Protein backbone atom coordinates (compact mmCIF):
# COMPACT_ATOMS: atom_id res chain seq x y z
CA MET A 1 -4.06 9.66 5.73
CA ARG A 2 -6.28 8.66 2.80
CA VAL A 3 -7.46 10.99 0.01
CA GLN A 4 -9.37 10.51 -3.23
CA GLY A 5 -9.40 12.61 -6.38
CA THR A 6 -8.58 12.85 -10.07
CA ILE A 7 -5.00 12.59 -11.31
CA THR A 8 -4.06 15.89 -12.98
CA TYR A 9 -0.30 15.28 -13.30
CA TYR A 10 1.82 12.14 -13.38
CA TYR A 11 5.61 11.86 -13.50
CA PRO A 12 6.52 8.14 -13.45
CA LYS A 13 8.29 6.90 -10.30
CA SER A 14 8.39 10.41 -8.87
CA MET A 15 5.12 12.24 -8.36
CA VAL A 16 1.37 12.14 -8.83
CA ILE A 17 -0.79 15.21 -8.30
CA LEU A 18 -4.29 14.31 -7.25
CA GLN A 19 -7.01 16.97 -7.23
CA ASP A 20 -10.41 16.95 -5.61
CA GLU A 21 -13.03 19.71 -5.47
CA THR A 22 -11.02 21.84 -3.05
CA ALA A 23 -7.27 21.26 -3.36
CA ALA A 24 -4.38 19.50 -5.02
CA PHE A 25 -2.15 16.98 -3.30
CA ALA A 26 1.35 15.86 -4.31
CA PHE A 27 2.44 12.31 -3.66
CA SER A 28 5.79 10.61 -3.35
CA PRO A 29 6.91 7.60 -5.40
CA GLY A 30 5.53 4.18 -4.68
CA HIS A 31 2.56 3.76 -6.97
CA GLN A 32 1.38 1.57 -9.80
CA PRO A 33 1.28 3.04 -13.31
CA VAL A 34 -1.60 5.50 -13.57
CA ALA A 35 -2.86 7.99 -16.15
CA VAL A 36 -3.92 11.63 -16.09
CA GLY A 37 -7.70 11.68 -15.80
CA ASP A 38 -7.91 8.53 -13.67
CA ARG A 39 -9.83 8.62 -10.42
CA ALA A 40 -7.52 7.42 -7.64
CA ASP A 41 -7.15 6.62 -3.95
CA ALA A 42 -3.95 7.54 -2.14
CA ILE A 43 -2.57 6.85 1.32
CA GLY A 44 0.55 8.13 3.02
CA ILE A 45 2.04 10.16 5.84
CA PRO A 46 0.75 13.76 5.65
CA PHE A 47 3.38 16.49 5.41
CA ILE A 48 3.25 20.18 4.46
CA ASP A 49 5.87 21.06 1.82
CA ASN A 50 6.02 24.69 0.63
CA GLY A 51 2.40 25.16 1.69
CA PHE A 52 1.12 22.05 -0.13
CA LEU A 53 -0.20 18.90 1.47
CA THR A 54 2.14 16.09 0.46
CA LEU A 55 1.87 12.42 1.29
CA LYS A 56 5.31 11.04 2.03
CA LEU A 57 5.84 7.33 1.33
CA GLY A 58 2.57 7.55 -0.59
CA GLN A 59 0.80 4.73 -2.37
CA VAL A 60 -1.56 5.64 -5.22
CA ARG A 61 -4.07 3.24 -6.78
CA SER A 62 -6.17 4.06 -9.84
CA THR A 63 -9.87 3.31 -9.49
CA GLY A 64 -10.67 4.00 -13.18
CA ALA A 65 -11.32 6.92 -15.50
CA ALA A 66 -13.14 9.97 -14.17
CA ALA A 67 -15.19 12.73 -15.72
CA PRO A 68 -12.98 15.58 -16.94
CA ILE A 69 -12.18 18.37 -14.49
CA ILE A 70 -13.85 21.56 -15.70
CA PRO A 71 -11.60 24.61 -15.23
CA VAL A 72 -12.98 27.65 -13.45
CA PRO A 73 -12.77 30.79 -15.60
CA VAL A 74 -10.56 33.43 -13.98
CA THR A 75 -9.78 37.00 -15.00
CA TRP A 76 -6.76 38.96 -13.82
CA ASP A 77 -9.03 41.27 -11.82
CA SER A 78 -10.86 38.46 -10.04
CA TRP A 79 -7.60 36.61 -9.33
CA LEU A 80 -6.01 39.78 -7.92
CA ARG A 81 -9.03 40.44 -5.67
CA GLU A 82 -8.85 36.86 -4.31
CA ALA A 83 -5.05 37.04 -3.84
CA LEU A 84 -5.35 40.23 -1.78
CA LEU A 85 -7.98 38.89 0.63
């Protein structure tokens, strides 16, 4: 499986979290040095781990810096309404 997104977390030789417009993906070791904020491509074997899509034996490659991810404002009430749906 191949995914693209912005790196939002990086723990060297262990994990990269890549986020696109809809979800976050966690990747296994096996990648070149990258930086938070980089745009990246990743390939690997898809696997669901604790409800999260994870790429086992993943390979991540930076494709350069990306525009910053803009957080979505959330209130406790709106979050609770969404959580109960």
